[in-house]
Amino acid sequence: MTAQTEHEPYILSVDTTTDARSVAICAGARVLAQAAGNLRSAQSANLLGDIDATLTKAGLRLAEIELLAVARGPGSFTGLRAGLATMKAFAATLNKPLVGVPTLHAVACSVGVAPHIVAALPAGRGELFAQLLACEADGMIIELSEPAHLPPHVLVERALNWPTPLKWVGNGAQTRAELLAETAKRIGIEWHAEVDQSGSEERNSGQRSGKMAGARVWTLARPAATYATEIAALALREYQAGRTLQAEELRALYVRLSDAELNERCRV
C-alpha cells in the first residue's frame, strides 16, 4: 500500500508484547490519548476494551483511524498473538493500512538519539530478548545486530565487544542491572544508572573522576512504562515512506535460541 504524506494520519497503536499492555491514539506525532493495562490479562476482550476507551478519550471512532500499528515481537507469546490477531482483524475489516513494529525497536526508540543501544526484554526462564541498535536524530532505528534470545551472561559477553558509549534499556536490562554494573566495574568501564529503584539519580563506582568520562561508558536508561507511543512514531515513518502492509502480509517476529545454545542445553 502507498500513503498520503501531506497530513497527519490518525494512528491506533497497540503493544501486547511487554509487561504493560498499552494503547495509543496519535495524530501524526501528536499523542491524543493513551491507556495501559496488565499483560497478564491481555485477552482480546480486555484489549478491545482498552482500545474502545482510548478512542473515546481521543474523541474518535475506529472508522476514522487511518493507520494501524502493532508490536510484532519478540515478547510474550500469548500477548503477541492477541495483539496481532486484533489489529489484523481491524485492518482486514476496515481496509486500513497496517505496520508491524519490532518490539525491540520501540524499546530503543524510548531512549532518544543514541549511537549504540542495547534493547533488552525478559524472555522467560531468566533469559532475555536483546538487540544492539542505534536511534538517529530523525527517529530512524538502525539494526547493528540481529535480535537474539539468550542468557544474560551471554549478552554481557557479547556487549564487551560492542562500541561505547553504550545505553542499556528495557525491563530486561533493569532486572540485570547488578550484573551490568559489576561487569562494567570489573573491566574498567564507567557505569551510570539514570534512576535507581527509589527514583533518585545514581552514579555507580568510584570512577567519577573525569578520567573515564569519554567513550568507555555504559548507561542504564530510565525505563519506559509503555511503548505504544513509540510504536506509533515508528509506524508513522513507515507510513510516510509508503511501507505499509495488508493484514495477510503481517508476520510475528519470533526470536529463538541459537542452534549452539539449543545444542548446549541438550548436553546438560
Protein backbone atom coordinates (compact mmCIF):
# COMPACT_ATOMS: atom_id res chain seq x y z
CA MET A 1 0.00 0.00 0.00
CA THR A 2 1.04 3.60 -0.55
CA ALA A 3 0.25 6.50 1.73
CA GLN A 4 -0.54 10.17 1.54
CA THR A 5 2.10 12.15 3.36
CA GLU A 6 0.61 15.66 3.29
CA HIS A 7 -1.38 15.38 6.53
CA GLU A 8 -1.01 13.78 9.92
CA PRO A 9 -2.93 10.50 9.94
CA TYR A 10 -4.88 9.25 12.91
CA ILE A 11 -2.94 6.26 14.27
CA LEU A 12 -4.10 3.48 16.55
CA SER A 13 -1.08 1.72 18.06
CA VAL A 14 -1.02 -1.33 20.31
CA ASP A 15 1.64 -3.18 22.28
CA THR A 16 0.74 -6.53 23.84
CA THR A 17 4.26 -7.97 23.86
CA THR A 18 5.64 -6.34 27.03
CA ASP A 19 4.63 -6.44 30.70
CA ALA A 20 2.24 -3.48 30.44
CA ARG A 21 -0.22 -3.75 27.57
CA SER A 22 -0.62 -0.27 26.06
CA VAL A 23 -2.77 1.52 23.50
CA ALA A 24 -2.27 4.97 22.00
CA ILE A 25 -4.15 7.21 19.60
CA CYS A 26 -2.00 9.75 17.77
CA ALA A 27 -2.48 12.40 15.11
CA GLY A 28 0.82 12.08 13.34
CA ALA A 29 3.46 12.66 16.02
CA ARG A 30 0.94 14.16 18.45
CA VAL A 31 -0.42 11.88 21.19
CA LEU A 32 -4.18 12.32 21.65
CA ALA A 33 -4.86 9.60 24.21
CA GLN A 34 -3.26 6.50 25.69
CA ALA A 35 -4.02 3.71 28.12
CA ALA A 36 -2.17 0.84 29.75
CA GLY A 37 -3.19 -2.48 31.23
CA ASN A 38 -1.63 -5.62 32.64
CA LEU A 39 -0.24 -8.15 30.17
CA ARG A 40 -1.39 -10.98 32.40
CA SER A 41 -4.96 -10.02 31.47
CA ALA A 42 -4.14 -9.37 27.81
CA GLN A 43 -7.08 -11.32 26.44
CA SER A 44 -8.62 -9.92 23.27
CA ALA A 45 -11.73 -8.74 25.15
CA ASN A 46 -9.68 -6.64 27.56
CA LEU A 47 -7.58 -5.26 24.72
CA LEU A 48 -10.73 -4.30 22.83
CA GLY A 49 -11.98 -2.54 25.94
CA ASP A 50 -8.73 -0.57 26.20
CA ILE A 51 -8.94 0.37 22.52
CA ASP A 52 -12.56 1.49 22.87
CA ALA A 53 -11.76 3.57 25.96
CA THR A 54 -8.77 5.21 24.26
CA LEU A 55 -10.80 6.05 21.16
CA THR A 56 -13.47 7.62 23.37
CA LYS A 57 -10.85 9.67 25.21
CA ALA A 58 -9.46 10.89 21.87
CA GLY A 59 -12.95 11.72 20.57
CA LEU A 60 -12.61 9.42 17.57
CA ARG A 61 -14.38 6.42 16.07
CA LEU A 62 -12.49 3.37 14.89
CA ALA A 63 -13.59 4.10 11.32
CA GLU A 64 -11.70 7.42 11.48
CA ILE A 65 -8.36 5.72 12.17
CA GLU A 66 -6.11 5.90 9.11
CA LEU A 67 -3.17 3.77 10.22
CA LEU A 68 -2.96 0.70 12.44
CA ALA A 69 0.31 -0.06 14.23
CA VAL A 70 1.19 -3.06 16.38
CA ALA A 71 4.25 -4.51 18.11
CA ARG A 72 5.14 -7.71 16.27
CA GLY A 73 7.58 -9.19 18.77
CA PRO A 74 9.58 -10.63 20.21
CA GLY A 75 7.81 -10.81 23.54
CA SER A 76 5.05 -12.61 25.38
CA PHE A 77 3.74 -15.32 23.06
CA THR A 78 0.14 -15.07 24.28
CA GLY A 79 0.12 -11.29 24.28
CA LEU A 80 1.79 -11.11 20.87
CA ARG A 81 -0.86 -13.32 19.30
CA ALA A 82 -3.70 -11.32 20.87
CA GLY A 83 -2.35 -8.02 19.57
CA LEU A 84 -1.61 -9.24 16.07
CA ALA A 85 -4.95 -11.01 15.70
CA THR A 86 -6.87 -7.93 16.83
CA MET A 87 -5.06 -5.46 14.61
CA LYS A 88 -5.06 -7.76 11.59
CA ALA A 89 -8.81 -8.16 12.00
CA PHE A 90 -9.24 -4.38 12.10
CA ALA A 91 -7.05 -3.95 9.01
CA ALA A 92 -8.94 -6.58 7.03
CA THR A 93 -12.42 -5.47 8.10
CA LEU A 94 -11.85 -1.73 7.71
CA ASN A 95 -9.39 -1.95 4.79
CA LYS A 96 -6.83 0.13 6.68
CA PRO A 97 -3.02 0.13 6.21
CA LEU A 98 -1.07 -1.76 8.85
CA VAL A 99 2.50 -1.55 10.17
CA GLY A 100 4.20 -4.11 12.39
CA VAL A 101 6.95 -2.62 14.55
CA PRO A 102 9.66 -4.83 16.10
CA THR A 103 9.24 -4.52 19.86
CA LEU A 104 12.96 -4.02 20.50
CA HIS A 105 12.93 -1.09 18.05
CA ALA A 106 10.23 0.57 20.15
CA VAL A 107 12.24 -0.04 23.31
CA ALA A 108 15.30 1.59 21.72
CA CYS A 109 13.20 4.49 20.45
CA SER A 110 12.21 5.31 24.04
CA VAL A 111 15.84 6.31 24.77
CA GLY A 112 16.01 9.01 22.12
CA VAL A 113 19.04 9.72 19.96
CA ALA A 114 21.97 7.42 20.76
CA PRO A 115 24.62 5.67 18.62
CA HIS A 116 24.63 2.34 20.49
CA ILE A 117 21.62 0.98 22.38
CA VAL A 118 21.09 -2.46 23.85
CA ALA A 119 17.34 -3.03 23.99
CA ALA A 120 16.57 -5.97 26.30
CA LEU A 121 13.32 -7.57 27.42
CA PRO A 122 12.58 -10.62 29.60
CA ALA A 123 12.18 -13.80 27.55
CA GLY A 124 11.14 -16.09 30.40
CA ARG A 125 13.16 -18.59 32.44
CA GLY A 126 15.65 -15.88 33.34
CA GLU A 127 16.65 -15.23 29.73
CA LEU A 128 16.45 -12.17 27.50
CA PHE A 129 15.44 -10.93 24.09
CA ALA A 130 18.07 -8.37 23.10
CA GLN A 131 19.44 -6.41 20.16
CA LEU A 132 22.09 -3.76 19.51
CA LEU A 133 20.50 -0.75 17.79
CA ALA A 134 21.04 2.93 17.06
CA CYS A 135 18.47 5.74 17.14
CA GLU A 136 19.22 8.58 14.73
CA ALA A 137 18.20 12.22 15.05
CA ASP A 138 15.28 11.76 12.65
CA GLY A 139 13.94 8.84 14.68
CA MET A 140 15.18 6.11 12.40
CA ILE A 141 16.21 2.89 14.15
CA ILE A 142 19.29 1.17 12.73
CA GLU A 143 19.94 -2.51 13.42
CA LEU A 144 23.55 -3.12 14.47
CA SER A 145 22.94 -6.78 15.34
CA GLU A 146 20.27 -9.41 14.86
CA PRO A 147 17.68 -9.81 17.63
CA ALA A 148 18.66 -12.68 19.92
CA HIS A 149 17.21 -14.90 22.63
CA LEU A 150 19.99 -15.62 25.09
CA PRO A 151 21.05 -15.91 28.74
CA PRO A 152 22.08 -12.63 30.41
CA HIS A 153 25.74 -13.65 30.84
CA VAL A 154 26.00 -14.38 27.11
CA LEU A 155 24.55 -10.95 26.27
CA VAL A 156 27.07 -9.27 28.58
CA GLU A 157 29.93 -11.20 26.98
CA ARG A 158 28.82 -10.00 23.56
CA ALA A 159 28.47 -6.44 24.81
CA LEU A 160 32.14 -6.41 25.80
CA ASN A 161 32.92 -6.34 22.06
CA TRP A 162 30.39 -3.64 21.21
CA PRO A 163 31.26 0.07 20.84
CA THR A 164 30.86 2.53 23.68
CA PRO A 165 29.21 4.66 24.93
CA LEU A 166 26.52 2.02 25.26
CA LYS A 167 22.99 2.58 26.55
CA TRP A 168 21.02 -0.27 28.10
CA VAL A 169 17.24 -0.01 28.08
CA GLY A 170 14.19 -2.16 28.76
CA ASN A 171 12.95 -4.32 31.60
CA GLY A 172 15.47 -6.99 30.69
CA ALA A 173 18.30 -4.55 31.36
CA GLN A 174 16.64 -3.27 34.54
CA THR A 175 16.37 -6.76 36.01
CA ARG A 176 20.06 -7.40 35.27
CA ALA A 177 21.38 -4.01 36.43
CA GLU A 178 23.57 -5.58 39.11
CA LEU A 179 25.25 -7.90 36.60
CA LEU A 180 25.83 -4.98 34.22
CA ALA A 181 27.26 -2.74 36.95
CA GLU A 182 29.56 -5.47 38.28
CA THR A 183 30.83 -6.29 34.79
CA ALA A 184 31.48 -2.64 33.97
CA LYS A 185 33.39 -2.12 37.21
CA ARG A 186 35.44 -5.28 36.67
CA ILE A 187 36.67 -4.29 33.22
CA GLY A 188 37.12 -0.56 33.86
CA ILE A 189 34.04 0.83 32.12
CA GLU A 190 32.27 3.73 33.81
CA TRP A 191 28.74 2.81 34.88
CA HIS A 192 25.76 5.15 35.15
CA ALA A 193 22.16 4.41 36.09
CA GLU A 194 19.85 7.29 35.21
CA VAL A 195 17.50 6.39 38.06
CA ASP A 196 17.63 3.77 40.76
CA GLN A 197 14.66 1.95 42.28
CA SER A 198 13.97 4.81 44.68
CA GLY A 199 13.76 7.27 41.80
CA SER A 200 16.95 9.18 42.64
CA GLU A 201 19.86 9.66 40.29
CA GLU A 202 22.61 7.11 40.68
CA ARG A 203 26.22 7.04 39.54
CA ASN A 204 27.95 3.85 40.40
CA SER A 205 31.52 3.03 41.31
CA GLY A 206 34.45 5.18 42.24
CA GLN A 207 35.07 6.12 38.63
CA ARG A 208 33.50 9.57 38.78
CA SER A 209 36.74 11.36 38.02
CA GLY A 210 36.63 12.77 34.52
CA LYS A 211 39.36 10.30 33.71
CA MET A 212 36.94 7.83 32.15
CA ALA A 213 34.20 10.24 31.14
CA GLY A 214 34.97 9.66 27.46
CA ALA A 215 33.61 6.84 25.35
CA ARG A 216 34.05 3.96 27.81
CA VAL A 217 30.67 4.32 29.49
CA TRP A 218 27.68 2.04 29.99
CA THR A 219 24.42 3.75 30.95
CA LEU A 220 21.23 2.15 32.21
CA ALA A 221 18.49 4.34 30.75
CA ARG A 222 15.30 5.25 32.53
CA PRO A 223 12.70 2.56 31.85
CA ALA A 224 9.63 3.49 29.85
CA ALA A 225 6.33 2.41 31.38
CA THR A 226 4.75 1.65 27.99
CA TYR A 227 5.71 1.61 24.31
CA ALA A 228 2.53 2.29 22.32
CA THR A 229 3.57 5.88 21.54
CA GLU A 230 6.99 4.75 20.29
CA ILE A 231 5.27 2.15 18.12
CA ALA A 232 3.07 4.87 16.66
CA ALA A 233 6.10 7.09 15.92
CA LEU A 234 7.98 4.30 14.16
CA ALA A 235 4.87 3.25 12.23
CA LEU A 236 4.38 6.85 11.08
CA ARG A 237 7.82 6.77 9.46
CA GLU A 238 6.86 3.62 7.55
CA TYR A 239 3.53 5.12 6.52
CA GLN A 240 5.17 8.29 5.22
CA ALA A 241 7.60 6.17 3.21
CA GLY A 242 4.75 4.13 1.73
CA ARG A 243 5.82 0.96 3.53
CA THR A 244 2.57 -0.40 4.94
CA LEU A 245 1.06 -3.87 4.85
CA GLN A 246 -2.24 -5.57 4.32
CA ALA A 247 -3.49 -7.83 7.10
CA GLU A 248 -2.37 -11.08 5.49
CA GLU A 249 1.17 -9.78 4.99
CA LEU A 250 1.98 -9.10 8.65
CA ARG A 251 4.04 -11.74 10.42
CA ALA A 252 5.05 -12.06 14.06
CA LEU A 253 8.74 -11.73 14.88
CA TYR A 254 9.71 -14.76 16.93
CA VAL A 255 13.28 -14.96 18.19
CA ARG A 256 14.52 -18.34 19.37
CA LEU A 257 17.71 -19.60 20.92
CA SER A 258 20.57 -20.19 18.51
CA ASP A 259 21.37 -23.74 17.42
CA ALA A 260 24.53 -23.61 19.54
CA GLU A 261 22.53 -22.69 22.64
CA LEU A 262 19.96 -25.40 21.95
CA ASN A 263 22.69 -27.99 21.49
CA GLU A 264 24.36 -26.89 24.72
CA ARG A 265 21.09 -27.36 26.58
CA CYS A 266 20.64 -30.82 25.12
CA ARG A 267 24.03 -31.83 26.50
CA VAL A 268 23.18 -30.69 30.04
